[in-house]
Protein backbone atom coordinates (compact mmCIF):
# COMPACT_ATOMS: atom_id res chain seq x y z
CA MET A 1 0.00 0.00 0.00
CA LYS A 2 2.83 2.41 0.93
CA LYS A 3 4.58 1.58 -2.36
CA THR A 4 1.40 2.32 -4.29
CA ILE A 5 1.02 5.72 -2.58
CA ARG A 6 4.69 6.50 -3.21
CA ASN A 7 4.36 5.64 -6.91
CA LEU A 8 1.21 7.75 -7.18
CA ALA A 9 3.05 10.70 -5.61
CA VAL A 10 5.88 10.34 -8.11
CA VAL A 11 3.48 10.20 -11.04
CA THR A 12 1.50 13.16 -9.72
CA GLY A 13 4.66 15.21 -9.14
CA THR A 14 5.96 14.44 -12.62
CA ALA A 15 2.67 15.43 -14.22
CA ALA A 16 2.58 18.68 -12.25
CA ALA A 17 6.13 19.51 -13.32
CA ALA A 18 5.28 18.81 -16.94
CA PHE A 19 2.19 21.02 -16.68
CA THR A 20 4.27 23.80 -15.17
CA LEU A 21 6.82 23.59 -17.98
CA THR A 22 4.08 23.55 -20.59
CA VAL A 23 2.04 26.43 -19.22
CA GLY A 24 4.83 28.43 -17.61
CA PRO A 25 4.39 31.88 -16.11
CA ALA A 26 2.14 34.38 -17.88
CA SER A 27 4.34 36.17 -20.39
CA ALA A 28 4.45 39.95 -20.30
CA VAL A 29 3.19 41.97 -23.25
CA PRO A 30 6.18 42.72 -25.49
CA SER A 31 7.49 46.25 -25.06
CA THR A 32 7.05 48.37 -28.18
CA THR A 33 10.13 49.72 -29.94
CA TRP A 34 9.43 53.21 -31.27
CA THR A 35 11.71 54.23 -34.12
CA VAL A 36 11.78 57.96 -34.81
CA ASN A 37 13.47 59.04 -38.03
CA PRO A 38 15.57 61.15 -37.97
CA SER A 39 16.54 60.50 -34.36
CA PRO A 40 17.45 62.33 -32.32
CA SER A 41 16.35 65.56 -33.93
CA THR A 42 14.72 68.88 -33.20
CA TYR A 43 11.50 70.00 -34.84
CA THR A 44 9.17 72.92 -35.33
CA ALA A 45 5.38 72.71 -35.61
CA THR A 46 2.89 75.18 -37.06
CA ASN A 47 -0.86 75.07 -36.60
CA SER A 48 -3.03 73.80 -39.42
CA GLY A 49 -6.42 75.41 -38.85
CA ASN A 50 -7.72 76.83 -35.59
CA ILE A 51 -6.53 75.75 -32.16
CA VAL A 52 -9.43 75.74 -29.69
CA LEU A 53 -9.70 75.43 -25.92
CA SER A 54 -13.33 75.07 -24.92
CA VAL A 55 -14.42 75.48 -21.29
CA ASN A 56 -18.08 75.10 -20.29
CA GLY A 57 -19.10 75.84 -23.87
CA ILE A 58 -16.92 78.95 -24.14
CA ALA A 59 -14.55 78.58 -27.09
CA MET A 60 -11.15 80.23 -26.87
CA THR A 61 -9.82 80.23 -30.43
CA CYS A 62 -6.30 80.78 -31.73
CA THR A 63 -5.67 81.23 -35.45
CA THR A 64 -1.90 81.26 -34.86
CA SER A 65 0.09 78.76 -32.81
CA GLY A 66 3.49 77.12 -33.00
CA ALA A 67 5.73 74.76 -31.09
CA SER A 68 9.26 73.43 -31.02
CA GLY A 69 11.10 70.65 -29.28
CA SER A 70 12.92 67.39 -29.80
CA MET A 71 12.13 63.82 -30.89
CA ALA A 72 13.97 60.55 -30.30
CA SER A 73 13.48 56.80 -30.56
CA ALA A 74 12.30 55.05 -27.40
CA THR A 75 11.17 51.71 -25.99
CA GLY A 76 8.08 51.04 -23.91
CA ASN A 77 4.34 51.31 -24.00
CA PRO A 78 3.51 54.04 -23.39
CA ALA A 79 6.78 55.72 -24.36
CA THR A 80 7.84 59.35 -24.62
CA VAL A 81 9.02 59.96 -28.19
CA GLY A 82 9.04 63.75 -28.10
CA SER A 83 9.28 66.79 -25.92
CA ILE A 84 7.57 70.14 -26.48
CA SER A 85 10.00 72.65 -25.06
CA ALA A 86 8.16 75.75 -26.26
CA ILE A 87 4.62 76.43 -27.49
CA ASN A 88 2.79 79.65 -28.17
CA PHE A 89 -0.88 80.44 -28.61
CA GLY A 90 -1.62 83.59 -30.58
CA ALA A 91 0.86 86.20 -31.74
CA SER A 92 1.28 89.95 -31.93
CA GLY A 93 -1.51 91.20 -34.18
CA SER A 94 -3.22 87.81 -34.06
CA PRO A 95 -4.43 87.19 -30.50
CA CYS A 96 -6.53 84.27 -29.36
CA THR A 97 -10.14 85.36 -28.88
CA SER A 98 -13.34 84.42 -27.06
CA VAL A 99 -16.73 85.94 -26.23
CA LEU A 100 -15.15 87.06 -22.95
CA GLY A 101 -12.36 88.94 -24.72
CA ASN A 102 -8.84 88.27 -25.94
CA VAL A 103 -7.07 85.26 -24.47
CA THR A 104 -3.46 85.03 -23.30
CA THR A 105 -1.95 81.62 -22.58
CA VAL A 106 1.36 81.07 -20.80
CA PRO A 107 2.43 77.41 -20.91
CA THR A 108 4.76 75.79 -18.41
CA THR A 109 6.92 73.39 -20.41
CA PRO A 110 8.20 70.85 -21.22
CA TRP A 111 5.14 68.97 -22.39
CA THR A 112 5.60 65.42 -23.67
CA VAL A 113 4.60 63.52 -26.81
CA VAL A 114 3.68 60.00 -25.74
CA ALA A 115 3.15 57.05 -28.11
CA GLN A 116 0.86 54.13 -27.27
CA ASP A 117 -0.37 52.40 -30.43
CA TYR A 118 0.81 52.20 -34.05
CA THR A 119 -1.12 51.13 -37.16
CA ALA A 120 1.31 50.16 -39.91
CA ALA A 121 -1.34 50.24 -42.66
CA THR A 122 -2.00 53.93 -42.11
CA GLY A 123 1.28 55.04 -40.54
CA VAL A 124 -0.65 56.56 -37.64
CA THR A 125 0.52 56.59 -34.05
CA LYS A 126 -2.02 57.10 -31.28
CA GLY A 127 -1.06 58.54 -27.92
CA TYR A 128 -1.31 61.79 -26.07
CA ILE A 129 0.31 65.09 -25.21
CA GLY A 130 1.33 64.79 -21.57
CA ASN A 131 2.39 67.09 -18.77
CA VAL A 132 0.13 69.85 -20.10
CA ASP A 133 0.27 72.90 -17.83
CA ALA A 134 -0.83 76.41 -18.80
CA LYS A 135 -2.11 79.63 -17.25
CA VAL A 136 -4.93 81.21 -19.25
CA THR A 137 -6.00 84.84 -18.86
CA VAL A 138 -9.25 86.26 -20.25
CA GLY A 139 -9.84 89.80 -19.02
CA ALA A 140 -9.80 89.62 -15.21
CA CYS A 141 -10.33 85.85 -15.26
CA VAL A 142 -7.20 83.77 -14.71
CA PHE A 143 -7.21 79.98 -14.56
CA ARG A 144 -4.75 77.11 -14.77
CA VAL A 145 -5.21 73.97 -16.83
CA THR A 146 -3.25 70.74 -16.29
CA GLY A 147 -3.44 67.15 -17.55
CA LYS A 148 -3.06 65.49 -20.92
CA ALA A 149 -4.74 65.51 -24.34
CA ALA A 150 -5.31 62.59 -26.70
CA ALA A 151 -3.43 62.92 -29.99
CA THR A 152 -2.49 61.13 -33.20
CA TYR A 153 0.53 61.53 -35.47
CA THR A 154 0.42 60.70 -39.20
CA ASN A 155 3.74 59.89 -40.86
CA SER A 156 2.70 60.79 -44.42
CA THR A 157 1.73 64.36 -43.56
CA GLY A 158 3.52 65.09 -40.29
CA LYS A 159 0.19 66.09 -38.79
CA LEU A 160 -0.06 66.03 -35.01
CA ALA A 161 -3.79 66.16 -34.33
CA VAL A 162 -4.90 66.89 -30.78
CA ALA A 163 -8.42 66.09 -29.55
CA SER A 164 -8.68 65.71 -25.80
CA THR A 165 -11.58 63.89 -24.20
CA SER A 166 -13.56 65.08 -21.18
CA GLY A 167 -11.60 64.63 -17.97
CA GLN A 168 -8.15 64.54 -19.50
CA LEU A 169 -7.67 68.24 -18.77
CA ASN A 170 -8.80 69.97 -15.60
CA VAL A 171 -9.01 73.51 -14.27
CA VAL A 172 -7.02 73.32 -11.03
CA SER A 173 -7.18 76.98 -10.02
CA SER A 174 -9.44 79.88 -10.97
CA THR A 175 -9.47 83.56 -10.01
CA ASN A 176 -12.16 86.10 -10.90
CA CYS A 177 -13.80 83.63 -13.28
CA GLY A 178 -17.02 82.92 -11.39
CA SER A 179 -19.20 80.16 -12.78
CA ALA A 180 -17.80 80.64 -16.29
CA VAL A 181 -14.57 78.77 -15.48
CA PRO A 182 -14.79 77.14 -12.04
CA VAL A 183 -12.20 74.88 -10.44
CA GLY A 184 -12.95 71.34 -11.59
CA ALA A 185 -14.10 72.37 -15.08
CA LYS A 186 -12.93 69.99 -17.79
CA PRO A 187 -11.67 71.88 -20.87
CA ILE A 188 -11.49 70.31 -24.32
CA PHE A 189 -8.38 71.06 -26.39
CA THR A 190 -8.55 70.50 -30.17
CA GLY A 191 -6.38 71.43 -33.12
CA ALA A 192 -3.66 70.21 -35.46
CA TYR A 193 -0.02 71.01 -36.10
CA LEU A 194 2.28 70.20 -39.02
CA VAL A 195 5.67 68.97 -37.84
CA LYS A 196 9.01 69.32 -39.66
CA LYS A 197 12.63 68.82 -38.73
CA THR A 198 14.06 72.20 -37.74
CA GLY A 199 15.17 74.26 -40.72
CA THR A 200 14.15 71.66 -43.31
CA ALA A 201 11.14 70.30 -45.18
CA ILE A 202 11.75 66.82 -43.72
CA ILE A 203 8.74 65.24 -42.02
CA PRO A 204 9.77 63.05 -39.07
CA THR A 205 8.28 59.57 -38.88
CA ILE A 206 7.33 57.42 -35.89
CA VAL A 207 7.08 53.63 -36.30
CA GLY A 208 6.16 51.19 -33.57
CA THR A 209 7.19 47.50 -33.67
CA ASN A 210 7.00 44.64 -31.20
CA PRO A 211 9.76 42.02 -30.82
């Protein structure tokens, strides 16, 4: 009887070991390799169409906006493939406007360009603009917006299209704004920029691959 139990234990242990070897630990999702070309490089970006920050139905519209920064290959998901070191909204003679008056925006940079998903068939990377932080002044109203904004980047055109969703950006402070822009409001940031390597007509590309 003892021999039978011992043999059963051996068989059971062997089967368990085989099962463990077959199944193994759950494998981690492969980390995406993001190849930026050229990399590293600096870039400039100019708005294509209006840039709009909408708060509680009040649209603050800029017809002029530009940005500059750097791009580089990276690994991870999500992964930071770019940095926005400077960005302006409006310009002398072309201010941003709203029904409440002209709008002045002072960003605190750097912001980040974060990649999350790549579709090879279209050459489009989905991700977001992160570390967004800006002080917005409209007349006597001053408020601060922080958070992130969903974005896509298209290799064929160099278009960085931003379209935040509700809750990605938040008003974290507000002075003299009343109910128009209260703390806790959730602005929507939309617009598009055309990106080129600094001083050239070269459009940078971002390609994501998994090992």
